Amino acid sequence: MTRGRFITFEGGEGAGKSTQTARLVTWLRERGLDVVRTREPGGSPGAENIRDLVLNGPPERWSPTTELLLMYAARADHLERTIRPALAAGSWVVCDRFADSSRAYQGAAGGIDMDFIERLDAAVVGNDQPDLTLVFDLPVEVGLARALDRGGAEARFESKGAAFHQRLREGFADIVAAHPDRCRIIDATGDPDAVFARVRAVVEGVLA
């Protein structure tokens, strides 16, 4: 059986990833593909429990090192129970955030040594890297305004301040530059239809 394809969505807060993830999954299914939609942190029962620990509480609840280890603990369970079985069965997997978020949030913005993150990633993720990563980009002030406007729980990272989120945006740009074979920048400004047109254009290239 042919292995499925693995697409991840990345970017800062308020970039619209969740909306566009849902739209892409619907579009792919309309084309006859079996698609598993998932997210990080989370995506499996154990990883969802860790999600609650990481995303709730005050900004200083965890150090960047503790965050990183919690994220990779969740990622290990997610891979074992959701992602790898789906890909092996020939399904496509579309994931709202994956390992590049650790590189950007705990690495570029949090100050964790990138070599340490890459060693951890090699041990946990190994060869199961995404086939395509869409990195949603928009000005920090726009993204934070969107994120704060939507409200709700799980706002721990939104509370880390503008300087943190500027480092985050720069970190994602560095990831795209370092991995041009799998990463594509998506301009996340404008209405959802315009953004999805950009997403679709990139994914159609992959399908072709």
N, C-alpha and C. Protein backbone atom coordinates (compact mmCIF):
# COMPACT_ATOMS: atom_id res chain seq x y z
N MET A 1 0.83 -1.19 0.00
CA MET A 1 0.00 0.00 0.00
C MET A 1 0.87 1.25 0.00
N THR A 2 0.49 2.24 -0.80
CA THR A 2 1.23 3.49 -0.88
C THR A 2 1.06 4.29 0.40
N ARG A 3 2.17 4.77 0.92
CA ARG A 3 2.12 5.59 2.13
C ARG A 3 1.39 6.90 1.84
N GLY A 4 0.63 7.39 2.83
CA GLY A 4 -0.07 8.66 2.70
C GLY A 4 0.88 9.84 2.71
N ARG A 5 0.33 11.02 2.48
CA ARG A 5 1.11 12.25 2.51
C ARG A 5 0.82 12.99 3.82
N PHE A 6 1.82 13.74 4.28
CA PHE A 6 1.77 14.40 5.59
C PHE A 6 1.96 15.90 5.37
N ILE A 7 0.90 16.68 5.64
CA ILE A 7 0.92 18.14 5.47
C ILE A 7 0.74 18.80 6.84
N THR A 8 1.59 19.76 7.15
CA THR A 8 1.47 20.47 8.42
C THR A 8 1.26 21.96 8.17
N PHE A 9 0.52 22.58 9.10
CA PHE A 9 0.25 24.02 9.07
C PHE A 9 0.98 24.66 10.25
N GLU A 10 1.70 25.72 10.00
CA GLU A 10 2.47 26.39 11.04
C GLU A 10 2.24 27.90 10.97
N GLY A 11 2.69 28.59 12.02
CA GLY A 11 2.59 30.05 12.04
C GLY A 11 2.30 30.56 13.44
N GLY A 12 2.31 31.87 13.58
CA GLY A 12 2.08 32.49 14.87
C GLY A 12 0.61 32.49 15.26
N GLU A 13 0.34 33.12 16.38
CA GLU A 13 -1.03 33.19 16.90
C GLU A 13 -1.91 34.05 15.99
N GLY A 14 -3.16 33.62 15.81
CA GLY A 14 -4.12 34.39 15.04
C GLY A 14 -3.92 34.36 13.54
N ALA A 15 -3.13 33.42 13.05
CA ALA A 15 -2.84 33.38 11.61
C ALA A 15 -3.94 32.70 10.79
N GLY A 16 -4.91 32.07 11.46
CA GLY A 16 -6.00 31.43 10.74
C GLY A 16 -5.74 29.99 10.33
N LYS A 17 -4.77 29.35 10.95
CA LYS A 17 -4.41 27.99 10.57
C LYS A 17 -5.55 27.00 10.73
N SER A 18 -6.27 27.08 11.84
CA SER A 18 -7.34 26.12 12.10
C SER A 18 -8.44 26.20 11.04
N THR A 19 -8.81 27.42 10.67
CA THR A 19 -9.81 27.61 9.62
C THR A 19 -9.35 27.01 8.31
N GLN A 20 -8.11 27.27 7.95
CA GLN A 20 -7.59 26.80 6.67
C GLN A 20 -7.32 25.30 6.69
N THR A 21 -6.96 24.75 7.84
CA THR A 21 -6.81 23.30 7.95
C THR A 21 -8.13 22.62 7.62
N ALA A 22 -9.22 23.10 8.22
CA ALA A 22 -10.53 22.52 7.96
C ALA A 22 -10.91 22.62 6.49
N ARG A 23 -10.63 23.75 5.88
CA ARG A 23 -10.98 23.94 4.47
C ARG A 23 -10.17 23.02 3.57
N LEU A 24 -8.89 22.85 3.87
CA LEU A 24 -8.08 21.97 3.05
C LEU A 24 -8.53 20.52 3.18
N VAL A 25 -8.85 20.09 4.39
CA VAL A 25 -9.32 18.72 4.59
C VAL A 25 -10.58 18.47 3.77
N THR A 26 -11.52 19.40 3.82
CA THR A 26 -12.75 19.25 3.02
C THR A 26 -12.43 19.18 1.54
N TRP A 27 -11.54 20.05 1.06
CA TRP A 27 -11.17 20.08 -0.36
C TRP A 27 -10.52 18.78 -0.79
N LEU A 28 -9.63 18.23 0.03
CA LEU A 28 -8.97 16.97 -0.31
C LEU A 28 -9.95 15.81 -0.32
N ARG A 29 -10.86 15.78 0.65
CA ARG A 29 -11.85 14.71 0.69
C ARG A 29 -12.78 14.77 -0.52
N GLU A 30 -13.10 15.97 -0.98
CA GLU A 30 -13.92 16.11 -2.18
C GLU A 30 -13.23 15.54 -3.41
N ARG A 31 -11.92 15.38 -3.33
CA ARG A 31 -11.16 14.80 -4.43
C ARG A 31 -10.89 13.32 -4.21
N GLY A 32 -11.61 12.72 -3.28
CA GLY A 32 -11.57 11.28 -3.10
C GLY A 32 -10.47 10.75 -2.20
N LEU A 33 -9.77 11.64 -1.51
CA LEU A 33 -8.70 11.20 -0.63
C LEU A 33 -9.22 10.91 0.77
N ASP A 34 -8.64 9.90 1.40
CA ASP A 34 -8.93 9.63 2.80
C ASP A 34 -7.99 10.50 3.63
N VAL A 35 -8.55 11.38 4.44
CA VAL A 35 -7.75 12.38 5.15
C VAL A 35 -8.03 12.33 6.64
N VAL A 36 -6.98 12.34 7.43
CA VAL A 36 -7.08 12.45 8.88
C VAL A 36 -6.68 13.87 9.27
N ARG A 37 -7.59 14.57 9.92
CA ARG A 37 -7.30 15.91 10.42
C ARG A 37 -6.91 15.80 11.89
N THR A 38 -5.80 16.44 12.26
CA THR A 38 -5.34 16.36 13.64
C THR A 38 -4.65 17.66 14.03
N ARG A 39 -4.11 17.72 15.24
CA ARG A 39 -3.53 18.97 15.73
C ARG A 39 -2.47 18.69 16.78
N GLU A 40 -1.65 19.70 17.03
CA GLU A 40 -0.67 19.65 18.12
C GLU A 40 -0.70 20.96 18.90
N PRO A 41 -0.36 20.91 20.20
CA PRO A 41 -0.26 19.66 20.96
C PRO A 41 -1.62 18.98 21.02
N GLY A 42 -1.61 17.67 20.98
CA GLY A 42 -2.84 16.90 20.99
C GLY A 42 -2.84 15.87 19.89
N GLY A 43 -4.03 15.47 19.46
CA GLY A 43 -4.15 14.53 18.37
C GLY A 43 -4.27 13.08 18.77
N SER A 44 -4.10 12.79 20.05
CA SER A 44 -4.32 11.46 20.62
C SER A 44 -4.77 11.69 22.06
N PRO A 45 -5.42 10.73 22.70
CA PRO A 45 -5.93 10.99 24.06
C PRO A 45 -4.85 11.45 25.04
N GLY A 46 -3.71 10.78 25.03
CA GLY A 46 -2.64 11.17 25.95
C GLY A 46 -2.09 12.54 25.63
N ALA A 47 -1.92 12.82 24.34
CA ALA A 47 -1.38 14.12 23.93
C ALA A 47 -2.35 15.26 24.24
N GLU A 48 -3.67 14.98 24.17
CA GLU A 48 -4.65 16.00 24.53
C GLU A 48 -4.56 16.35 26.02
N ASN A 49 -4.26 15.35 26.85
CA ASN A 49 -4.06 15.64 28.28
C ASN A 49 -2.88 16.57 28.49
N ILE A 50 -1.80 16.33 27.74
CA ILE A 50 -0.63 17.20 27.86
C ILE A 50 -0.93 18.59 27.32
N ARG A 51 -1.76 18.66 26.28
CA ARG A 51 -2.16 19.97 25.73
C ARG A 51 -2.74 20.86 26.82
N ASP A 52 -3.59 20.31 27.64
CA ASP A 52 -4.20 21.09 28.71
C ASP A 52 -3.15 21.65 29.65
N LEU A 53 -2.10 20.88 29.93
CA LEU A 53 -1.02 21.35 30.80
C LEU A 53 -0.25 22.50 30.17
N VAL A 54 0.02 22.38 28.88
CA VAL A 54 0.91 23.33 28.22
C VAL A 54 0.23 24.66 27.88
N LEU A 55 -1.03 24.61 27.45
CA LEU A 55 -1.66 25.80 26.91
C LEU A 55 -2.44 26.63 27.92
N ASN A 56 -2.62 26.13 29.11
CA ASN A 56 -3.38 26.86 30.12
C ASN A 56 -2.49 27.32 31.26
N GLY A 57 -2.93 28.36 31.94
CA GLY A 57 -2.17 28.89 33.06
C GLY A 57 -1.42 30.15 32.68
N PRO A 58 -0.68 30.74 33.63
CA PRO A 58 0.06 31.98 33.36
C PRO A 58 1.25 31.73 32.45
N PRO A 59 1.75 32.77 31.79
CA PRO A 59 2.89 32.60 30.87
C PRO A 59 4.10 31.94 31.51
N GLU A 60 4.33 32.24 32.79
CA GLU A 60 5.53 31.72 33.46
C GLU A 60 5.33 30.33 34.05
N ARG A 61 4.21 29.69 33.76
CA ARG A 61 3.93 28.38 34.36
C ARG A 61 5.04 27.37 34.09
N TRP A 62 5.56 27.34 32.85
CA TRP A 62 6.61 26.40 32.47
C TRP A 62 7.79 27.18 31.88
N SER A 63 8.98 26.67 32.08
CA SER A 63 10.15 27.22 31.40
C SER A 63 10.14 26.71 29.95
N PRO A 64 10.88 27.36 29.05
CA PRO A 64 10.96 26.86 27.67
C PRO A 64 11.44 25.41 27.59
N THR A 65 12.36 25.01 28.46
CA THR A 65 12.85 23.63 28.44
C THR A 65 11.74 22.66 28.82
N THR A 66 10.99 22.99 29.85
CA THR A 66 9.88 22.12 30.26
C THR A 66 8.81 22.07 29.17
N GLU A 67 8.50 23.22 28.58
CA GLU A 67 7.56 23.25 27.46
C GLU A 67 8.00 22.31 26.35
N LEU A 68 9.28 22.41 25.99
CA LEU A 68 9.79 21.60 24.90
C LEU A 68 9.63 20.11 25.19
N LEU A 69 9.99 19.70 26.38
CA LEU A 69 9.89 18.28 26.73
C LEU A 69 8.44 17.81 26.79
N LEU A 70 7.55 18.67 27.29
CA LEU A 70 6.13 18.32 27.28
C LEU A 70 5.62 18.19 25.84
N MET A 71 6.01 19.12 24.98
CA MET A 71 5.57 19.07 23.59
C MET A 71 6.04 17.78 22.91
N TYR A 72 7.28 17.39 23.15
CA TYR A 72 7.78 16.18 22.49
C TYR A 72 7.22 14.91 23.12
N ALA A 73 6.86 14.96 24.39
CA ALA A 73 6.14 13.82 24.98
C ALA A 73 4.79 13.65 24.30
N ALA A 74 4.07 14.77 24.12
CA ALA A 74 2.79 14.73 23.41
C ALA A 74 2.99 14.27 21.97
N ARG A 75 4.03 14.76 21.32
CA ARG A 75 4.29 14.42 19.92
C ARG A 75 4.60 12.93 19.75
N ALA A 76 5.33 12.37 20.68
CA ALA A 76 5.64 10.94 20.60
C ALA A 76 4.36 10.11 20.63
N ASP A 77 3.44 10.45 21.54
CA ASP A 77 2.18 9.72 21.63
C ASP A 77 1.33 9.95 20.38
N HIS A 78 1.31 11.17 19.90
CA HIS A 78 0.55 11.52 18.69
C HIS A 78 1.04 10.72 17.49
N LEU A 79 2.35 10.65 17.32
CA LEU A 79 2.92 9.88 16.22
C LEU A 79 2.58 8.40 16.34
N GLU A 80 2.75 7.85 17.54
CA GLU A 80 2.53 6.42 17.73
C GLU A 80 1.08 6.01 17.52
N ARG A 81 0.16 6.83 17.97
CA ARG A 81 -1.24 6.43 18.01
C ARG A 81 -2.09 6.97 16.87
N THR A 82 -1.64 8.04 16.23
CA THR A 82 -2.47 8.67 15.19
C THR A 82 -1.75 8.79 13.86
N ILE A 83 -0.63 9.49 13.83
CA ILE A 83 -0.01 9.86 12.55
C ILE A 83 0.58 8.65 11.83
N ARG A 84 1.43 7.89 12.48
CA ARG A 84 2.07 6.76 11.80
C ARG A 84 1.08 5.72 11.32
N PRO A 85 0.08 5.33 12.14
CA PRO A 85 -0.90 4.36 11.62
C PRO A 85 -1.67 4.88 10.42
N ALA A 86 -2.02 6.16 10.43
CA ALA A 86 -2.77 6.73 9.31
C ALA A 86 -1.93 6.74 8.03
N LEU A 87 -0.69 7.18 8.12
CA LEU A 87 0.17 7.22 6.94
C LEU A 87 0.42 5.81 6.41
N ALA A 88 0.63 4.86 7.31
CA ALA A 88 0.88 3.48 6.89
C ALA A 88 -0.33 2.89 6.18
N ALA A 89 -1.53 3.35 6.56
CA ALA A 89 -2.77 2.86 5.93
C ALA A 89 -3.06 3.56 4.61
N GLY A 90 -2.21 4.51 4.22
CA GLY A 90 -2.40 5.22 2.96
C GLY A 90 -3.20 6.50 3.06
N SER A 91 -3.59 6.89 4.27
CA SER A 91 -4.34 8.13 4.46
C SER A 91 -3.41 9.34 4.42
N TRP A 92 -3.97 10.47 3.99
CA TRP A 92 -3.26 11.73 4.13
C TRP A 92 -3.51 12.25 5.53
N VAL A 93 -2.51 12.91 6.10
CA VAL A 93 -2.62 13.52 7.42
C VAL A 93 -2.41 15.01 7.28
N VAL A 94 -3.36 15.79 7.78
CA VAL A 94 -3.25 17.25 7.79
C VAL A 94 -3.25 17.69 9.25
N CYS A 95 -2.16 18.28 9.68
CA CYS A 95 -1.96 18.56 11.10
C CYS A 95 -1.78 20.07 11.35
N ASP A 96 -2.57 20.60 12.26
CA ASP A 96 -2.47 21.98 12.70
C ASP A 96 -1.37 22.06 13.75
N ARG A 97 -0.18 22.44 13.33
CA ARG A 97 1.07 22.51 14.07
C ARG A 97 1.74 21.14 14.17
N PHE A 98 3.09 21.20 14.16
CA PHE A 98 3.89 20.00 14.37
C PHE A 98 5.25 20.46 14.90
N ALA A 99 6.32 19.79 14.53
CA ALA A 99 7.62 20.02 15.17
C ALA A 99 8.19 21.41 14.90
N ASP A 100 7.83 22.03 13.78
CA ASP A 100 8.36 23.38 13.54
C ASP A 100 7.88 24.37 14.58
N SER A 101 6.73 24.10 15.20
CA SER A 101 6.29 24.98 16.29
C SER A 101 7.24 24.90 17.47
N SER A 102 7.80 23.73 17.73
CA SER A 102 8.78 23.62 18.81
C SER A 102 10.05 24.39 18.46
N ARG A 103 10.46 24.28 17.20
CA ARG A 103 11.65 25.04 16.78
C ARG A 103 11.43 26.55 16.92
N ALA A 104 10.21 27.00 16.61
CA ALA A 104 9.94 28.44 16.64
C ALA A 104 9.62 28.93 18.05
N TYR A 105 8.70 28.25 18.74
CA TYR A 105 8.24 28.73 20.05
C TYR A 105 9.30 28.54 21.14
N GLN A 106 9.80 27.32 21.28
CA GLN A 106 10.77 27.07 22.34
C GLN A 106 12.20 27.38 21.91
N GLY A 107 12.48 27.29 20.60
CA GLY A 107 13.80 27.58 20.09
C GLY A 107 14.01 29.05 19.81
N ALA A 108 13.48 29.53 18.70
CA ALA A 108 13.72 30.92 18.29
C ALA A 108 13.20 31.93 19.30
N ALA A 109 11.98 31.72 19.80
CA ALA A 109 11.38 32.69 20.73
C ALA A 109 11.75 32.40 22.18
N GLY A 110 11.93 31.13 22.52
CA GLY A 110 12.19 30.76 23.91
C GLY A 110 13.64 30.64 24.29
N GLY A 111 14.53 30.60 23.29
CA GLY A 111 15.96 30.59 23.57
C GLY A 111 16.60 29.23 23.75
N ILE A 112 15.87 28.13 23.49
CA ILE A 112 16.47 26.80 23.62
C ILE A 112 17.42 26.55 22.45
N ASP A 113 18.56 25.96 22.75
CA ASP A 113 19.55 25.67 21.73
C ASP A 113 18.96 24.79 20.63
N MET A 114 19.10 25.22 19.37
CA MET A 114 18.47 24.51 18.27
C MET A 114 19.08 23.13 18.06
N ASP A 115 20.34 22.97 18.36
CA ASP A 115 20.96 21.65 18.22
C ASP A 115 20.29 20.64 19.16
N PHE A 116 19.96 21.08 20.36
CA PHE A 116 19.26 20.20 21.32
C PHE A 116 17.89 19.81 20.77
N ILE A 117 17.17 20.79 20.21
CA ILE A 117 15.85 20.50 19.64
C ILE A 117 15.98 19.51 18.50
N GLU A 118 16.98 19.67 17.65
CA GLU A 118 17.13 18.77 16.50
C GLU A 118 17.50 17.35 16.94
N ARG A 119 18.28 17.23 18.00
CA ARG A 119 18.59 15.88 18.51
C ARG A 119 17.33 15.22 19.06
N LEU A 120 16.54 16.00 19.77
CA LEU A 120 15.29 15.48 20.32
C LEU A 120 14.33 15.09 19.19
N ASP A 121 14.28 15.94 18.16
CA ASP A 121 13.41 15.67 17.03
C ASP A 121 13.83 14.40 16.29
N ALA A 122 15.13 14.22 16.13
CA ALA A 122 15.62 13.02 15.45
C ALA A 122 15.23 11.76 16.21
N ALA A 123 15.24 11.84 17.55
CA ALA A 123 14.89 10.67 18.36
C ALA A 123 13.40 10.39 18.35
N VAL A 124 12.56 11.44 18.35
CA VAL A 124 11.12 11.25 18.46
C VAL A 124 10.44 11.15 17.10
N VAL A 125 10.75 12.06 16.21
CA VAL A 125 10.08 12.10 14.90
C VAL A 125 10.80 11.24 13.88
N GLY A 126 12.12 11.27 13.90
CA GLY A 126 12.89 10.45 12.98
C GLY A 126 12.60 10.78 11.53
N ASN A 127 12.28 9.76 10.74
CA ASN A 127 12.03 9.94 9.31
C ASN A 127 10.61 10.37 8.99
N ASP A 128 9.75 10.50 10.00
CA ASP A 128 8.35 10.85 9.76
C ASP A 128 8.15 12.37 9.71
N GLN A 129 8.98 13.02 8.92
CA GLN A 129 8.88 14.47 8.75
C GLN A 129 7.75 14.79 7.76
N PRO A 130 7.18 15.97 7.84
CA PRO A 130 6.13 16.34 6.89
C PRO A 130 6.63 16.33 5.45
N ASP A 131 5.71 16.02 4.53
CA ASP A 131 6.00 16.15 3.10
C ASP A 131 5.89 17.61 2.66
N LEU A 132 5.01 18.35 3.31
CA LEU A 132 4.77 19.75 2.97
C LEU A 132 4.39 20.50 4.23
N THR A 133 4.99 21.66 4.43
CA THR A 133 4.66 22.53 5.56
C THR A 133 4.28 23.91 5.04
N LEU A 134 3.08 24.34 5.40
CA LEU A 134 2.59 25.67 5.03
C LEU A 134 2.74 26.58 6.24
N VAL A 135 3.53 27.62 6.10
CA VAL A 135 3.81 28.54 7.21
C VAL A 135 3.03 29.83 6.97
N PHE A 136 2.04 30.08 7.81
CA PHE A 136 1.17 31.25 7.67
C PHE A 136 1.84 32.45 8.32
N ASP A 137 1.95 33.50 7.54
CA ASP A 137 2.69 34.69 8.00
C ASP A 137 1.82 35.93 7.91
N LEU A 138 1.83 36.71 8.98
CA LEU A 138 1.20 38.03 8.99
C LEU A 138 1.84 38.86 10.09
N PRO A 139 1.68 40.20 10.05
CA PRO A 139 2.30 41.04 11.07
C PRO A 139 1.87 40.63 12.47
N VAL A 140 2.81 40.74 13.41
CA VAL A 140 2.56 40.31 14.78
C VAL A 140 1.34 41.00 15.38
N GLU A 141 1.23 42.31 15.18
CA GLU A 141 0.13 43.04 15.81
C GLU A 141 -1.23 42.58 15.26
N VAL A 142 -1.26 42.20 13.99
CA VAL A 142 -2.51 41.71 13.40
C VAL A 142 -2.88 40.35 13.98
N GLY A 143 -1.90 39.47 14.05
CA GLY A 143 -2.16 38.14 14.59
C GLY A 143 -2.58 38.17 16.05
N LEU A 144 -1.92 38.97 16.87
CA LEU A 144 -2.28 39.04 18.28
C LEU A 144 -3.66 39.66 18.45
N ALA A 145 -3.99 40.66 17.65
CA ALA A 145 -5.33 41.25 17.74
C ALA A 145 -6.39 40.23 17.39
N ARG A 146 -6.16 39.42 16.36
CA ARG A 146 -7.10 38.36 16.01
C ARG A 146 -7.23 37.36 17.15
N ALA A 147 -6.08 36.94 17.69
CA ALA A 147 -6.09 35.92 18.74
C ALA A 147 -6.81 36.41 19.99
N LEU A 148 -6.55 37.65 20.38
CA LEU A 148 -7.20 38.19 21.57
C LEU A 148 -8.68 38.42 21.33
N ASP A 149 -9.04 38.75 20.10
CA ASP A 149 -10.44 39.00 19.77
C ASP A 149 -11.28 37.72 19.87
N ARG A 150 -10.67 36.58 19.52
CA ARG A 150 -11.44 35.33 19.57
C ARG A 150 -11.64 34.85 21.00
N GLY A 151 -10.79 35.30 21.93
CA GLY A 151 -10.97 34.98 23.35
C GLY A 151 -10.84 33.49 23.62
N GLY A 152 -11.47 33.03 24.71
CA GLY A 152 -11.46 31.63 25.07
C GLY A 152 -10.27 31.25 25.93
N ALA A 153 -10.23 29.96 26.25
CA ALA A 153 -9.14 29.43 27.07
C ALA A 153 -7.91 29.21 26.19
N GLU A 154 -6.91 28.53 26.73
CA GLU A 154 -5.68 28.20 26.02
C GLU A 154 -4.99 29.44 25.46
N ALA A 155 -4.91 30.47 26.29
CA ALA A 155 -4.33 31.73 25.83
C ALA A 155 -2.96 32.00 26.44
N ARG A 156 -2.30 30.96 26.94
CA ARG A 156 -1.03 31.16 27.62
C ARG A 156 0.03 31.76 26.71
N PHE A 157 0.15 31.28 25.50
CA PHE A 157 1.19 31.79 24.60
C PHE A 157 0.86 33.19 24.08
N GLU A 158 -0.42 33.47 23.89
CA GLU A 158 -0.80 34.81 23.45
C GLU A 158 -0.37 35.87 24.46
N SER A 159 -0.20 35.46 25.73
CA SER A 159 0.11 36.40 26.81
C SER A 159 1.61 36.66 26.97
N LYS A 160 2.43 36.12 26.09
CA LYS A 160 3.88 36.22 26.27
C LYS A 160 4.47 37.54 25.78
N GLY A 161 3.68 38.39 25.14
CA GLY A 161 4.17 39.71 24.78
C GLY A 161 4.62 39.83 23.33
N ALA A 162 4.63 41.07 22.84
CA ALA A 162 4.92 41.33 21.43
C ALA A 162 6.34 40.94 21.04
N ALA A 163 7.32 41.15 21.94
CA ALA A 163 8.70 40.82 21.60
C ALA A 163 8.86 39.32 21.36
N PHE A 164 8.21 38.51 22.20
CA PHE A 164 8.22 37.06 22.03
C PHE A 164 7.66 36.70 20.65
N HIS A 165 6.55 37.32 20.29
CA HIS A 165 5.89 36.96 19.04
C HIS A 165 6.64 37.48 17.82
N GLN A 166 7.40 38.55 17.97
CA GLN A 166 8.24 38.98 16.86
C GLN A 166 9.37 37.98 16.64
N ARG A 167 9.99 37.49 17.73
CA ARG A 167 11.02 36.46 17.59
C ARG A 167 10.42 35.20 16.97
N LEU A 168 9.20 34.92 17.33
CA LEU A 168 8.50 33.75 16.79
C LEU A 168 8.34 33.88 15.27
N ARG A 169 7.88 35.03 14.83
CA ARG A 169 7.70 35.25 13.38
C ARG A 169 9.02 35.10 12.65
N GLU A 170 10.07 35.68 13.20
CA GLU A 170 11.39 35.58 12.58
C GLU A 170 11.88 34.14 12.58
N GLY A 171 11.56 33.41 13.65
CA GLY A 171 11.95 32.00 13.72
C GLY A 171 11.30 31.17 12.63
N PHE A 172 10.02 31.40 12.38
CA PHE A 172 9.34 30.67 11.31
C PHE A 172 9.95 31.02 9.95
N ALA A 173 10.30 32.29 9.74
CA ALA A 173 10.94 32.69 8.48
C ALA A 173 12.27 31.97 8.30
N ASP A 174 13.03 31.81 9.37
CA ASP A 174 14.30 31.10 9.31
C ASP A 174 14.09 29.62 8.97
N ILE A 175 13.02 29.02 9.52
CA ILE A 175 12.73 27.62 9.24
C ILE A 175 12.42 27.43 7.76
N VAL A 176 11.63 28.34 7.20
CA VAL A 176 11.31 28.25 5.77
C VAL A 176 12.58 28.36 4.93
N ALA A 177 13.46 29.29 5.30
CA ALA A 177 14.71 29.47 4.55
C ALA A 177 15.61 28.24 4.65
N ALA A 178 15.56 27.56 5.80
CA ALA A 178 16.41 26.38 6.01
C ALA A 178 15.86 25.12 5.36
N HIS A 179 14.55 25.11 5.08
CA HIS A 179 13.92 23.90 4.53
C HIS A 179 13.06 24.26 3.31
N PRO A 180 13.67 24.81 2.27
CA PRO A 180 12.89 25.23 1.10
C PRO A 180 12.26 24.06 0.35
N ASP A 181 12.75 22.86 0.58
CA ASP A 181 12.20 21.69 -0.11
C ASP A 181 10.80 21.33 0.37
N ARG A 182 10.49 21.63 1.65
CA ARG A 182 9.18 21.23 2.17
C ARG A 182 8.34 22.40 2.69
N CYS A 183 8.92 23.55 2.89
CA CYS A 183 8.20 24.68 3.49
C CYS A 183 7.80 25.73 2.46
N ARG A 184 6.60 26.25 2.61
CA ARG A 184 6.12 27.34 1.76
C ARG A 184 5.46 28.40 2.66
N ILE A 185 5.77 29.65 2.41
CA ILE A 185 5.14 30.75 3.12
C ILE A 185 3.76 31.01 2.51
N ILE A 186 2.77 31.17 3.37
CA ILE A 186 1.42 31.55 2.94
C ILE A 186 1.12 32.93 3.53
N ASP A 187 0.84 33.89 2.67
CA ASP A 187 0.43 35.23 3.13
C ASP A 187 -0.94 35.07 3.80
N ALA A 188 -0.99 35.28 5.12
CA ALA A 188 -2.22 35.06 5.89
C ALA A 188 -3.07 36.31 6.03
N THR A 189 -2.70 37.39 5.34
CA THR A 189 -3.53 38.60 5.38
C THR A 189 -4.70 38.44 4.40
N GLY A 190 -5.75 39.21 4.63
CA GLY A 190 -6.90 39.15 3.75
C GLY A 190 -7.98 38.23 4.27
N ASP A 191 -9.05 38.08 3.48
CA ASP A 191 -10.17 37.27 3.93
C ASP A 191 -9.87 35.79 3.75
N PRO A 192 -10.62 34.91 4.44
CA PRO A 192 -10.34 33.47 4.39
C PRO A 192 -10.36 32.88 2.99
N ASP A 193 -11.23 33.38 2.11
CA ASP A 193 -11.28 32.86 0.74
C ASP A 193 -9.98 33.14 -0.01
N ALA A 194 -9.45 34.34 0.16
CA ALA A 194 -8.21 34.70 -0.50
C ALA A 194 -7.05 33.86 0.02
N VAL A 195 -7.02 33.65 1.35
CA VAL A 195 -5.95 32.84 1.93
C VAL A 195 -6.05 31.41 1.44
N PHE A 196 -7.27 30.87 1.38
CA PHE A 196 -7.40 29.48 0.94
C PHE A 196 -7.00 29.32 -0.52
N ALA A 197 -7.23 30.32 -1.33
CA ALA A 197 -6.79 30.25 -2.72
C ALA A 197 -5.27 30.08 -2.78
N ARG A 198 -4.55 30.73 -1.88
CA ARG A 198 -3.10 30.58 -1.83
C ARG A 198 -2.71 29.18 -1.36
N VAL A 199 -3.43 28.68 -0.36
CA VAL A 199 -3.18 27.32 0.13
C VAL A 199 -3.41 26.31 -0.98
N ARG A 200 -4.54 26.43 -1.64
CA ARG A 200 -4.92 25.48 -2.68
C ARG A 200 -3.89 25.47 -3.82
N ALA A 201 -3.41 26.65 -4.18
CA ALA A 201 -2.43 26.73 -5.27
C ALA A 201 -1.17 25.94 -4.93
N VAL A 202 -0.73 26.04 -3.67
CA VAL A 202 0.46 25.30 -3.26
C VAL A 202 0.20 23.80 -3.24
N VAL A 203 -0.93 23.40 -2.65
CA VAL A 203 -1.23 21.97 -2.51
C VAL A 203 -1.51 21.32 -3.87
N GLU A 204 -2.11 22.07 -4.78
CA GLU A 204 -2.32 21.54 -6.13
C GLU A 204 -0.98 21.20 -6.80
N GLY A 205 0.02 21.99 -6.50
CA GLY A 205 1.34 21.68 -7.03
C GLY A 205 1.86 20.36 -6.49
N VAL A 206 1.58 20.08 -5.22
CA VAL A 206 1.99 18.82 -4.62
C VAL A 206 1.22 17.66 -5.24
N LEU A 207 -0.09 17.84 -5.41
CA LEU A 207 -0.90 16.78 -6.00
C LEU A 207 -0.45 16.47 -7.42
N ALA A 208 -0.05 17.52 -8.15
CA ALA A 208 0.39 17.31 -9.52
C ALA A 208 1.69 16.52 -9.58
